[in-house]
Amino acid sequence: MKSTTVRRVTLSIAVVAALTGVAACGSSDSDKSGDKAGGKTAINVSPIAALRSAEKSTDKADSAKVRSTMSVGDLMSMTSNGALTWNDGLKGNLTITYTGGRMAEMMKKAGTQSMEARYLPDAYYAHMSDAYAQQTGGKHWLKYSYDDLAKLGGASGSYMKDQIQNATPNQSVKLLLASGDVKKVGEETVSGVHATHYSGTVNVADLADKSSNLSADQMSALKQQLSQAGVTTDTVDIWINDQDLLIKKTEKADTANGTMTNTTLYSDYGVKVAAEAPPAADTKDFADLLKSGGTMTGGTGSGTVS
C-alpha cells in the first residue's frame, strides 16, 4: 500500500474510533419490561425501580444536548459537543475535537484536530480538512455505513453497528440494570441540578452476551477480541435528576491501550435536532476508500474498546 494511502486509511480508522465515543459500551437491550416505577426517584425507592423509571423517562425525552470527554491511554483524548435525537433512529450533529494522544498528532498532520460528526440511522459522516480532501478527490465528507462497518470489522464491526444505532442516553441506565451490581451512592449536585448518584460494575463480555443480537459465532469472536483488547470490566456511574432524566454518566475500563475513561453530560431534553446527509458530490464512501488502498488490518479494534 502506498504511503499516502496508508495515511489516508489509518486516519479514517482514527475517525472510526471517535465515532464509537458516542456509543461507549452501551447496552442495546430493548426490553422495557419489569418493575413499574412511578413518580420521582425517592430515598425509599430501590435502585432497580428508580433506574427503570429513569430509563423510560429518558427514552421518551427523544433528544438532548450532549457534552463529553473521552480518553484511551496515550492513544487519544477527545471532546464531543452537540445534540442527538433518538425518536426515529439515531440522528444528530457533534463537534469532535482531538485534544491529545497519538490520534491527535495524526489529525494535526492531516490539517485539523476538530471535525463535524453527523449521525443518521444508517450511517455516520465525518467532515475532514481541506488537506485531507486533497487525498480523496477533493471530497470533505467520509461516509461510514453501519452495514459496511459490520462487514469490514467482523464481530467487532457487528457489535459496533449494534451499539451505535442504539447509542441513546437511556442505554447507560440499561447498562447498570444489566450489571446486576447497582447501588445508590447518594444525593449530589450536577451543573447546579439536584441528582441521585448510582454506581455499578459490568462484565463487558457477559453484557455483550446478554444485550446484543449477534450470532453465536459473532459473539465468540467478539469475546476473543475483547479479551485481546484487555477489557474485562466497566465501572459505570450515572446521575439522575428529579424528573427521572439522566444528566451525567461516567465509565472507566482497563484496555490493552491503557485506561479508558468517558464522561458525558446531558441537558436540554426535547431540543429540536436536524441532520441530513451531506451532498453526495462532496462525500467519499469509507468502503470505497479501503478498496482503493487495500485491506484494513485491525481496523475497528480501537473503537470496540470504547
C-alpha atoms as a PDB file:
ATOM      1  CA  MET A   1       0.000   0.000   0.000  1.00  0.00           C
ATOM      2  CA  LYS A   2       1.354   3.439  -0.920  1.00  0.00           C
ATOM      3  CA  SER A   3       2.361   5.658   1.996  1.00  0.00           C
ATOM      4  CA  THR A   4      -0.292   8.280   1.172  1.00  0.00           C
ATOM      5  CA  THR A   5      -2.946   5.576   1.107  1.00  0.00           C
ATOM      6  CA  VAL A   6      -1.687   4.191   4.399  1.00  0.00           C
ATOM      7  CA  ARG A   7      -2.000   7.620   5.998  1.00  0.00           C
ATOM      8  CA  ARG A   8      -5.439   8.123   4.481  1.00  0.00           C
ATOM      9  CA  VAL A   9      -6.802   4.766   5.647  1.00  0.00           C
ATOM     10  CA  THR A  10      -5.121   4.975   9.071  1.00  0.00           C
ATOM     11  CA  LEU A  11      -6.621   8.397   9.666  1.00  0.00           C
ATOM     12  CA  SER A  12     -10.014   7.082   8.610  1.00  0.00           C
ATOM     13  CA  ILE A  13      -9.675   4.351  11.224  1.00  0.00           C
ATOM     14  CA  ALA A  14      -8.908   7.046  13.792  1.00  0.00           C
ATOM     15  CA  VAL A  15     -12.195   8.673  12.852  1.00  0.00           C
ATOM     16  CA  VAL A  16     -13.980   5.362  13.419  1.00  0.00           C
ATOM     17  CA  ALA A  17     -12.532   5.301  16.929  1.00  0.00           C
ATOM     18  CA  ALA A  18     -14.032   8.738  17.528  1.00  0.00           C
ATOM     19  CA  LEU A  19     -17.325   7.517  16.164  1.00  0.00           C
ATOM     20  CA  THR A  20     -17.632   4.921  18.884  1.00  0.00           C
ATOM     21  CA  GLY A  21     -17.183   7.557  21.568  1.00  0.00           C
ATOM     22  CA  VAL A  22     -20.879   8.268  21.386  1.00  0.00           C
ATOM     23  CA  ALA A  23     -21.689   4.612  21.995  1.00  0.00           C
ATOM     24  CA  ALA A  24     -19.071   3.766  24.621  1.00  0.00           C
ATOM     25  CA  CYS A  25     -20.072   0.203  25.800  1.00  0.00           C
ATOM     26  CA  GLY A  26     -23.807   0.972  25.928  1.00  0.00           C
ATOM     27  CA  SER A  27     -26.315  -1.849  26.110  1.00  0.00           C
ATOM     28  CA  SER A  28     -28.657  -2.481  23.189  1.00  0.00           C
ATOM     29  CA  ASP A  29     -31.199  -4.417  25.211  1.00  0.00           C
ATOM     30  CA  SER A  30     -34.619  -3.179  24.140  1.00  0.00           C
ATOM     31  CA  ASP A  31     -36.538  -4.961  26.912  1.00  0.00           C
ATOM     32  CA  LYS A  32     -38.524  -2.471  28.964  1.00  0.00           C
ATOM     33  CA  SER A  33     -40.489  -4.999  30.978  1.00  0.00           C
ATOM     34  CA  GLY A  34     -40.224  -5.439  34.708  1.00  0.00           C
ATOM     35  CA  ASP A  35     -40.890  -3.181  37.663  1.00  0.00           C
ATOM     36  CA  LYS A  36     -43.257  -0.264  37.153  1.00  0.00           C
ATOM     37  CA  ALA A  37     -41.643   2.593  38.969  1.00  0.00           C
ATOM     38  CA  GLY A  38     -43.707   5.737  39.046  1.00  0.00           C
ATOM     39  CA  GLY A  39     -43.176   9.274  40.224  1.00  0.00           C
ATOM     40  CA  LYS A  40     -39.930  10.894  41.270  1.00  0.00           C
ATOM     41  CA  THR A  41     -36.898   8.951  42.445  1.00  0.00           C
ATOM     42  CA  ALA A  42     -37.201   8.943  46.228  1.00  0.00           C
ATOM     43  CA  ILE A  43     -34.997   7.761  49.053  1.00  0.00           C
ATOM     44  CA  ASN A  44     -37.237   4.766  49.763  1.00  0.00           C
ATOM     45  CA  VAL A  45     -37.308   3.622  46.118  1.00  0.00           C
ATOM     46  CA  SER A  46     -34.973   0.725  45.339  1.00  0.00           C
ATOM     47  CA  PRO A  47     -32.103   1.425  42.893  1.00  0.00           C
ATOM     48  CA  ILE A  48     -33.554  -1.024  40.358  1.00  0.00           C
ATOM     49  CA  ALA A  49     -37.022   0.552  40.437  1.00  0.00           C
ATOM     50  CA  ALA A  50     -35.542   4.069  40.241  1.00  0.00           C
ATOM     51  CA  LEU A  51     -33.366   3.137  37.276  1.00  0.00           C
ATOM     52  CA  ARG A  52     -36.248   1.524  35.418  1.00  0.00           C
ATOM     53  CA  SER A  53     -38.239   4.731  35.834  1.00  0.00           C
ATOM     54  CA  ALA A  54     -35.263   6.796  34.647  1.00  0.00           C
ATOM     55  CA  GLU A  55     -34.697   4.528  31.648  1.00  0.00           C
ATOM     56  CA  LYS A  56     -38.292   5.004  30.482  1.00  0.00           C
ATOM     57  CA  SER A  57     -38.321   8.773  31.079  1.00  0.00           C
ATOM     58  CA  THR A  58     -35.024   9.315  29.292  1.00  0.00           C
ATOM     59  CA  ASP A  59     -36.106   7.175  26.338  1.00  0.00           C
ATOM     60  CA  LYS A  60     -39.341   9.160  25.941  1.00  0.00           C
ATOM     61  CA  ALA A  61     -37.483  12.506  26.015  1.00  0.00           C
ATOM     62  CA  ASP A  62     -36.406  11.848  22.375  1.00  0.00           C
ATOM     63  CA  SER A  63     -33.456  14.279  22.225  1.00  0.00           C
ATOM     64  CA  ALA A  64     -30.828  16.134  24.248  1.00  0.00           C
ATOM     65  CA  LYS A  65     -27.724  18.259  24.079  1.00  0.00           C
ATOM     66  CA  VAL A  66     -24.553  16.258  24.697  1.00  0.00           C
ATOM     67  CA  ARG A  67     -21.111  17.209  26.046  1.00  0.00           C
ATOM     68  CA  SER A  68     -18.487  14.561  26.634  1.00  0.00           C
ATOM     69  CA  THR A  69     -14.808  13.864  27.184  1.00  0.00           C
ATOM     70  CA  MET A  70     -13.093  10.581  26.454  1.00  0.00           C
ATOM     71  CA  SER A  71      -9.568   9.210  26.689  1.00  0.00           C
ATOM     72  CA  VAL A  72      -7.894   5.864  25.991  1.00  0.00           C
ATOM     73  CA  GLY A  73      -4.374   5.665  27.434  1.00  0.00           C
ATOM     74  CA  ASP A  74      -1.918   7.557  25.239  1.00  0.00           C
ATOM     75  CA  LEU A  75      -3.894   6.570  22.136  1.00  0.00           C
ATOM     76  CA  MET A  76      -6.270   9.525  22.227  1.00  0.00           C
ATOM     77  CA  SER A  77      -8.230  12.035  24.227  1.00  0.00           C
ATOM     78  CA  MET A  78     -11.164  13.897  22.722  1.00  0.00           C
ATOM     79  CA  THR A  79     -14.179  16.063  23.432  1.00  0.00           C
ATOM     80  CA  SER A  80     -17.627  15.975  21.813  1.00  0.00           C
ATOM     81  CA  ASN A  81     -20.258  18.699  21.843  1.00  0.00           C
ATOM     82  CA  GLY A  82     -23.628  18.833  20.083  1.00  0.00           C
ATOM     83  CA  ALA A  83     -27.126  17.368  20.117  1.00  0.00           C
ATOM     84  CA  LEU A  84     -28.672  13.988  19.319  1.00  0.00           C
ATOM     85  CA  THR A  85     -32.193  12.677  18.788  1.00  0.00           C
ATOM     86  CA  TRP A  86     -33.303   9.044  19.012  1.00  0.00           C
ATOM     87  CA  ASN A  87     -37.015   9.309  18.221  1.00  0.00           C
ATOM     88  CA  ASP A  88     -36.692   7.523  14.863  1.00  0.00           C
ATOM     89  CA  GLY A  89     -33.189   6.113  14.775  1.00  0.00           C
ATOM     90  CA  LEU A  90     -30.086   7.929  15.971  1.00  0.00           C
ATOM     91  CA  LYS A  91     -29.607  11.337  14.328  1.00  0.00           C
ATOM     92  CA  GLY A  92     -27.661  14.448  15.221  1.00  0.00           C
ATOM     93  CA  ASN A  93     -24.512  16.517  14.998  1.00  0.00           C
ATOM     94  CA  LEU A  94     -21.430  16.567  17.208  1.00  0.00           C
ATOM     95  CA  THR A  95     -18.210  18.540  17.003  1.00  0.00           C
ATOM     96  CA  ILE A  96     -15.390  16.154  17.880  1.00  0.00           C
ATOM     97  CA  THR A  97     -12.015  17.588  18.887  1.00  0.00           C
ATOM     98  CA  TYR A  98      -8.897  15.514  19.493  1.00  0.00           C
ATOM     99  CA  THR A  99      -7.085  17.028  22.457  1.00  0.00           C
ATOM    100  CA  GLY A 100      -4.190  14.610  22.940  1.00  0.00           C
ATOM    101  CA  GLY A 101      -2.599  11.261  22.216  1.00  0.00           C
ATOM    102  CA  ARG A 102      -1.299   9.695  19.035  1.00  0.00           C
ATOM    103  CA  MET A 103      -4.541  10.268  17.149  1.00  0.00           C
ATOM    104  CA  ALA A 104      -4.434  13.995  17.884  1.00  0.00           C
ATOM    105  CA  GLU A 105      -0.984  14.112  16.299  1.00  0.00           C
ATOM    106  CA  MET A 106      -2.298  12.168  13.318  1.00  0.00           C
ATOM    107  CA  MET A 107      -5.234  14.548  12.878  1.00  0.00           C
ATOM    108  CA  LYS A 108      -2.944  17.552  13.258  1.00  0.00           C
ATOM    109  CA  LYS A 109      -0.755  16.309  10.423  1.00  0.00           C
ATOM    110  CA  ALA A 110      -3.900  15.916   8.325  1.00  0.00           C
ATOM    111  CA  GLY A 111      -4.676  19.595   8.819  1.00  0.00           C
ATOM    112  CA  THR A 112      -7.267  19.534  11.583  1.00  0.00           C
ATOM    113  CA  GLN A 113      -7.834  18.456  15.154  1.00  0.00           C
ATOM    114  CA  SER A 114     -11.563  19.105  15.089  1.00  0.00           C
ATOM    115  CA  MET A 115     -14.296  17.773  12.825  1.00  0.00           C
ATOM    116  CA  GLU A 116     -18.054  17.727  12.457  1.00  0.00           C
ATOM    117  CA  ALA A 117     -19.645  14.338  13.017  1.00  0.00           C
ATOM    118  CA  ARG A 118     -23.111  13.760  11.566  1.00  0.00           C
ATOM    119  CA  TYR A 119     -25.185  10.763  12.652  1.00  0.00           C
ATOM    120  CA  LEU A 120     -28.036   9.274  10.599  1.00  0.00           C
ATOM    121  CA  PRO A 121     -29.905   5.988  11.186  1.00  0.00           C
ATOM    122  CA  ASP A 122     -27.911   4.084   8.542  1.00  0.00           C
ATOM    123  CA  ALA A 123     -24.528   5.816   8.530  1.00  0.00           C
ATOM    124  CA  TYR A 124     -22.113   8.203  10.174  1.00  0.00           C
ATOM    125  CA  TYR A 125     -20.407  11.091   8.342  1.00  0.00           C
ATOM    126  CA  ALA A 126     -17.193  12.886   9.285  1.00  0.00           C
ATOM    127  CA  HIS A 127     -16.202  16.252   7.792  1.00  0.00           C
ATOM    128  CA  MET A 128     -12.461  16.326   7.196  1.00  0.00           C
ATOM    129  CA  SER A 129      -9.991  19.115   6.402  1.00  0.00           C
ATOM    130  CA  ASP A 130      -9.106  20.616   3.016  1.00  0.00           C
ATOM    131  CA  ALA A 131      -5.709  18.932   3.294  1.00  0.00           C
ATOM    132  CA  TYR A 132      -7.338  15.541   3.763  1.00  0.00           C
ATOM    133  CA  ALA A 133      -9.761  16.210   0.893  1.00  0.00           C
ATOM    134  CA  GLN A 134      -6.794  16.507  -1.455  1.00  0.00           C
ATOM    135  CA  GLN A 135      -6.271  12.773  -0.942  1.00  0.00           C
ATOM    136  CA  THR A 136      -9.927  11.867  -1.574  1.00  0.00           C
ATOM    137  CA  GLY A 137     -10.595  13.581  -4.881  1.00  0.00           C
ATOM    138  CA  GLY A 138     -11.499  16.880  -3.231  1.00  0.00           C
ATOM    139  CA  LYS A 139     -14.269  15.358  -1.115  1.00  0.00           C
ATOM    140  CA  HIS A 140     -14.515  16.530   2.503  1.00  0.00           C
ATOM    141  CA  TRP A 141     -17.057  14.090   3.978  1.00  0.00           C
ATOM    142  CA  LEU A 142     -16.276  10.466   4.819  1.00  0.00           C
ATOM    143  CA  LYS A 143     -19.295   8.176   4.963  1.00  0.00           C
ATOM    144  CA  TYR A 144     -19.207   5.154   7.271  1.00  0.00           C
ATOM    145  CA  SER A 145     -22.153   2.890   6.511  1.00  0.00           C
ATOM    146  CA  TYR A 146     -23.007   0.848   9.602  1.00  0.00           C
ATOM    147  CA  ASP A 147     -23.566  -2.194   7.389  1.00  0.00           C
ATOM    148  CA  ASP A 148     -20.112  -1.740   5.853  1.00  0.00           C
ATOM    149  CA  LEU A 149     -18.534  -1.389   9.293  1.00  0.00           C
ATOM    150  CA  ALA A 150     -20.225  -4.620  10.335  1.00  0.00           C
ATOM    151  CA  LYS A 151     -18.830  -6.442   7.299  1.00  0.00           C
ATOM    152  CA  LEU A 152     -15.344  -4.945   7.499  1.00  0.00           C
ATOM    153  CA  GLY A 153     -14.908  -5.369  11.233  1.00  0.00           C
ATOM    154  CA  GLY A 154     -16.225  -8.891  11.657  1.00  0.00           C
ATOM    155  CA  ALA A 155     -17.658  -9.498  15.120  1.00  0.00           C
ATOM    156  CA  SER A 156     -16.367  -6.198  16.437  1.00  0.00           C
ATOM    157  CA  GLY A 157     -17.912  -4.423  13.458  1.00  0.00           C
ATOM    158  CA  SER A 158     -21.284  -6.062  14.044  1.00  0.00           C
ATOM    159  CA  TYR A 159     -21.138  -5.142  17.714  1.00  0.00           C
ATOM    160  CA  MET A 160     -20.135  -1.570  16.829  1.00  0.00           C
ATOM    161  CA  LYS A 161     -23.075  -1.246  14.432  1.00  0.00           C
ATOM    162  CA  ASP A 162     -25.409  -2.572  17.105  1.00  0.00           C
ATOM    163  CA  GLN A 163     -24.077  -0.179  19.739  1.00  0.00           C
ATOM    164  CA  ILE A 164     -24.012   2.961  17.596  1.00  0.00           C
ATOM    165  CA  GLN A 165     -27.531   2.511  16.266  1.00  0.00           C
ATOM    166  CA  ASN A 166     -28.720   2.142  19.852  1.00  0.00           C
ATOM    167  CA  ALA A 167     -26.470   4.831  21.350  1.00  0.00           C
ATOM    168  CA  THR A 168     -29.067   6.764  23.329  1.00  0.00           C
ATOM    169  CA  PRO A 169     -28.699   8.186  26.859  1.00  0.00           C
ATOM    170  CA  ASN A 170     -31.041   5.598  28.365  1.00  0.00           C
ATOM    171  CA  GLN A 171     -28.651   2.838  27.280  1.00  0.00           C
ATOM    172  CA  SER A 172     -26.351   3.865  30.126  1.00  0.00           C
ATOM    173  CA  VAL A 173     -29.207   3.241  32.535  1.00  0.00           C
ATOM    174  CA  LYS A 174     -29.840  -0.152  30.922  1.00  0.00           C
ATOM    175  CA  LEU A 175     -26.138  -0.847  31.276  1.00  0.00           C
ATOM    176  CA  LEU A 176     -26.417  -0.602  35.047  1.00  0.00           C
ATOM    177  CA  LEU A 177     -29.662  -2.578  35.101  1.00  0.00           C
ATOM    178  CA  ALA A 178     -27.914  -5.362  33.175  1.00  0.00           C
ATOM    179  CA  SER A 179     -24.922  -5.371  35.505  1.00  0.00           C
ATOM    180  CA  GLY A 180     -26.720  -6.929  38.462  1.00  0.00           C
ATOM    181  CA  ASP A 181     -24.499  -4.788  40.679  1.00  0.00           C
ATOM    182  CA  VAL A 182     -26.257  -1.471  41.303  1.00  0.00           C
ATOM    183  CA  LYS A 183     -26.000   0.700  44.388  1.00  0.00           C
ATOM    184  CA  LYS A 184     -27.216   4.153  45.310  1.00  0.00           C
ATOM    185  CA  VAL A 185     -24.236   6.354  46.175  1.00  0.00           C
ATOM    186  CA  GLY A 186     -26.142   9.394  47.400  1.00  0.00           C
ATOM    187  CA  GLU A 187     -27.652  12.804  46.605  1.00  0.00           C
ATOM    188  CA  GLU A 188     -25.414  15.246  44.739  1.00  0.00           C
ATOM    189  CA  THR A 189     -25.492  18.416  42.624  1.00  0.00           C
ATOM    190  CA  VAL A 190     -24.539  18.253  38.939  1.00  0.00           C
ATOM    191  CA  SER A 191     -24.263  21.508  36.962  1.00  0.00           C
ATOM    192  CA  GLY A 192     -26.436  23.181  39.576  1.00  0.00           C
ATOM    193  CA  VAL A 193     -29.115  20.480  39.418  1.00  0.00           C
ATOM    194  CA  HIS A 194     -30.069  18.085  42.231  1.00  0.00           C
ATOM    195  CA  ALA A 195     -29.399  14.469  41.238  1.00  0.00           C
ATOM    196  CA  THR A 196     -29.197  10.956  42.643  1.00  0.00           C
ATOM    197  CA  HIS A 197     -25.948   9.092  42.011  1.00  0.00           C
ATOM    198  CA  TYR A 198     -25.918   5.354  41.197  1.00  0.00           C
ATOM    199  CA  SER A 199     -22.923   3.121  40.517  1.00  0.00           C
ATOM    200  CA  GLY A 200     -22.158  -0.399  39.365  1.00  0.00           C
ATOM    201  CA  THR A 201     -19.607  -2.658  37.648  1.00  0.00           C
ATOM    202  CA  VAL A 202     -20.310  -4.503  34.410  1.00  0.00           C
ATOM    203  CA  ASN A 203     -18.573  -7.558  33.000  1.00  0.00           C
ATOM    204  CA  VAL A 204     -18.181  -6.411  29.397  1.00  0.00           C
ATOM    205  CA  ALA A 205     -18.147  -9.836  27.730  1.00  0.00           C
ATOM    206  CA  ASP A 206     -21.162 -11.025  29.727  1.00  0.00           C
ATOM    207  CA  LEU A 207     -23.007  -7.806  28.922  1.00  0.00           C
ATOM    208  CA  ALA A 208     -22.470  -8.242  25.202  1.00  0.00           C
ATOM    209  CA  ASP A 209     -23.717 -11.804  25.507  1.00  0.00           C
ATOM    210  CA  LYS A 210     -26.897 -10.616  27.214  1.00  0.00           C
ATOM    211  CA  SER A 211     -27.675  -7.497  25.242  1.00  0.00           C
ATOM    212  CA  SER A 212     -26.542  -7.892  21.630  1.00  0.00           C
ATOM    213  CA  ASN A 213     -28.328  -9.510  18.713  1.00  0.00           C
ATOM    214  CA  LEU A 214     -25.184 -11.271  17.470  1.00  0.00           C
ATOM    215  CA  SER A 215     -24.941 -14.853  16.285  1.00  0.00           C
ATOM    216  CA  ALA A 216     -23.109 -17.445  18.383  1.00  0.00           C
ATOM    217  CA  ASP A 217     -20.090 -17.294  16.045  1.00  0.00           C
ATOM    218  CA  GLN A 218     -20.017 -13.484  16.118  1.00  0.00           C
ATOM    219  CA  MET A 219     -20.297 -13.478  19.908  1.00  0.00           C
ATOM    220  CA  SER A 220     -17.453 -15.975  20.246  1.00  0.00           C
ATOM    221  CA  ALA A 221     -15.222 -13.852  18.019  1.00  0.00           C
ATOM    222  CA  LEU A 222     -16.182 -10.690  19.876  1.00  0.00           C
ATOM    223  CA  LYS A 223     -15.326 -12.185  23.252  1.00  0.00           C
ATOM    224  CA  GLN A 224     -11.917 -13.151  21.884  1.00  0.00           C
ATOM    225  CA  GLN A 225     -11.362  -9.601  20.590  1.00  0.00           C
ATOM    226  CA  LEU A 226     -12.455  -8.079  23.891  1.00  0.00           C
ATOM    227  CA  SER A 227     -10.042 -10.380  25.671  1.00  0.00           C
ATOM    228  CA  GLN A 228      -7.212  -9.410  23.318  1.00  0.00           C
ATOM    229  CA  ALA A 229      -8.047  -5.745  23.918  1.00  0.00           C
ATOM    230  CA  GLY A 230      -7.615  -6.354  27.630  1.00  0.00           C
ATOM    231  CA  VAL A 231     -11.181  -5.351  28.524  1.00  0.00           C
ATOM    232  CA  THR A 232     -12.741  -7.232  31.414  1.00  0.00           C
ATOM    233  CA  THR A 233     -14.943  -4.883  33.450  1.00  0.00           C
ATOM    234  CA  ASP A 234     -16.513  -1.453  33.022  1.00  0.00           C
ATOM    235  CA  THR A 235     -17.298   0.723  36.036  1.00  0.00           C
ATOM    236  CA  VAL A 236     -20.362   2.872  35.374  1.00  0.00           C
ATOM    237  CA  ASP A 237     -21.734   5.819  37.366  1.00  0.00           C
ATOM    238  CA  ILE A 238     -24.885   7.735  36.458  1.00  0.00           C
ATOM    239  CA  TRP A 239     -26.700  10.735  37.896  1.00  0.00           C
ATOM    240  CA  ILE A 240     -30.499  11.059  37.604  1.00  0.00           C
ATOM    241  CA  ASN A 241     -32.321  14.370  38.176  1.00  0.00           C
ATOM    242  CA  ASP A 242     -35.679  14.896  39.900  1.00  0.00           C
ATOM    243  CA  GLN A 243     -37.505  14.457  36.573  1.00  0.00           C
ATOM    244  CA  ASP A 244     -36.077  10.942  36.269  1.00  0.00           C
ATOM    245  CA  LEU A 245     -33.762  12.011  33.438  1.00  0.00           C
ATOM    246  CA  LEU A 246     -30.120  11.022  33.052  1.00  0.00           C
ATOM    247  CA  ILE A 247     -27.934  14.135  33.272  1.00  0.00           C
ATOM    248  CA  LYS A 248     -24.460  12.619  33.683  1.00  0.00           C
ATOM    249  CA  LYS A 249     -22.654   9.331  33.192  1.00  0.00           C
ATOM    250  CA  THR A 250     -19.057   8.211  33.642  1.00  0.00           C
ATOM    251  CA  GLU A 251     -17.372   4.986  32.561  1.00  0.00           C
ATOM    252  CA  LYS A 252     -13.940   3.579  33.302  1.00  0.00           C
ATOM    253  CA  ALA A 253     -12.355   0.404  31.959  1.00  0.00           C
ATOM    254  CA  ASP A 254      -8.863  -1.012  31.537  1.00  0.00           C
ATOM    255  CA  THR A 255      -7.868  -1.870  27.962  1.00  0.00           C
ATOM    256  CA  ALA A 256      -4.737  -3.044  26.176  1.00  0.00           C
ATOM    257  CA  ASN A 257      -4.235   0.563  25.040  1.00  0.00           C
ATOM    258  CA  GLY A 258      -4.488   1.896  28.592  1.00  0.00           C
ATOM    259  CA  THR A 259      -7.322   3.068  30.796  1.00  0.00           C
ATOM    260  CA  MET A 260     -10.472   4.184  29.002  1.00  0.00           C
ATOM    261  CA  THR A 261     -12.469   6.962  30.678  1.00  0.00           C
ATOM    262  CA  ASN A 262     -15.637   8.625  29.428  1.00  0.00           C
ATOM    263  CA  THR A 263     -17.739  11.388  30.972  1.00  0.00           C
ATOM    264  CA  THR A 264     -20.923  12.616  29.291  1.00  0.00           C
ATOM    265  CA  LEU A 265     -23.338  15.368  30.339  1.00  0.00           C
ATOM    266  CA  TYR A 266     -26.916  15.559  29.001  1.00  0.00           C
ATOM    267  CA  SER A 267     -29.106  18.667  29.086  1.00  0.00           C
ATOM    268  CA  ASP A 268     -31.968  20.439  27.278  1.00  0.00           C
ATOM    269  CA  TYR A 269     -34.025  17.298  26.781  1.00  0.00           C
ATOM    270  CA  GLY A 270     -36.547  17.742  23.961  1.00  0.00           C
ATOM    271  CA  VAL A 271     -34.317  20.120  21.968  1.00  0.00           C
ATOM    272  CA  LYS A 272     -35.011  20.206  18.219  1.00  0.00           C
ATOM    273  CA  VAL A 273     -32.357  18.323  16.227  1.00  0.00           C
ATOM    274  CA  ALA A 274     -31.971  18.258  12.441  1.00  0.00           C
ATOM    275  CA  ALA A 275     -29.449  16.170  10.497  1.00  0.00           C
ATOM    276  CA  GLU A 276     -29.265  15.388   6.791  1.00  0.00           C
ATOM    277  CA  ALA A 277     -26.797  13.508   4.650  1.00  0.00           C
ATOM    278  CA  PRO A 278     -24.059  15.756   3.201  1.00  0.00           C
ATOM    279  CA  PRO A 279     -24.029  16.437  -0.567  1.00  0.00           C
ATOM    280  CA  ALA A 280     -23.105  13.260  -2.458  1.00  0.00           C
ATOM    281  CA  ALA A 281     -20.672  15.215  -4.636  1.00  0.00           C
ATOM    282  CA  ASP A 282     -18.646  16.100  -1.530  1.00  0.00           C
ATOM    283  CA  THR A 283     -18.791  12.639   0.081  1.00  0.00           C
ATOM    284  CA  LYS A 284     -16.337   9.719  -0.106  1.00  0.00           C
ATOM    285  CA  ASP A 285     -17.504   6.271   0.975  1.00  0.00           C
ATOM    286  CA  PHE A 286     -15.194   4.612   3.512  1.00  0.00           C
ATOM    287  CA  ALA A 287     -15.671   1.209   1.867  1.00  0.00           C
ATOM    288  CA  ASP A 288     -14.516   2.634  -1.467  1.00  0.00           C
ATOM    289  CA  LEU A 289     -11.546   4.236   0.267  1.00  0.00           C
ATOM    290  CA  LEU A 290     -10.486   0.857   1.600  1.00  0.00           C
ATOM    291  CA  LYS A 291     -10.914  -0.794  -1.799  1.00  0.00           C
ATOM    292  CA  SER A 292      -8.566   1.742  -3.324  1.00  0.00           C
ATOM    293  CA  GLY A 293      -5.990   1.244  -0.572  1.00  0.00           C
ATOM    294  CA  GLY A 294      -6.106  -2.469   0.140  1.00  0.00           C
ATOM    295  CA  THR A 295      -7.416  -4.370   3.124  1.00  0.00           C
ATOM    296  CA  MET A 296      -7.802  -2.938   6.608  1.00  0.00           C
ATOM    297  CA  THR A 297      -5.710  -4.518   9.342  1.00  0.00           C
ATOM    298  CA  GLY A 298      -7.050  -4.207  12.859  1.00  0.00           C
ATOM    299  CA  GLY A 299      -9.424  -1.540  11.620  1.00  0.00           C
ATOM    300  CA  THR A 300     -12.066  -1.034  14.238  1.00  0.00           C
ATOM    301  CA  GLY A 301     -10.391  -2.746  17.153  1.00  0.00           C
ATOM    302  CA  SER A 302      -9.550   0.503  18.912  1.00  0.00           C
ATOM    303  CA  GLY A 303     -13.138   1.599  18.545  1.00  0.00           C
ATOM    304  CA  THR A 304     -14.592  -1.520  20.087  1.00  0.00           C
ATOM    305  CA  VAL A 305     -12.928  -0.953  23.417  1.00  0.00           C
ATOM    306  CA  SER A 306     -14.600   2.416  23.871  1.00  0.00           C
END
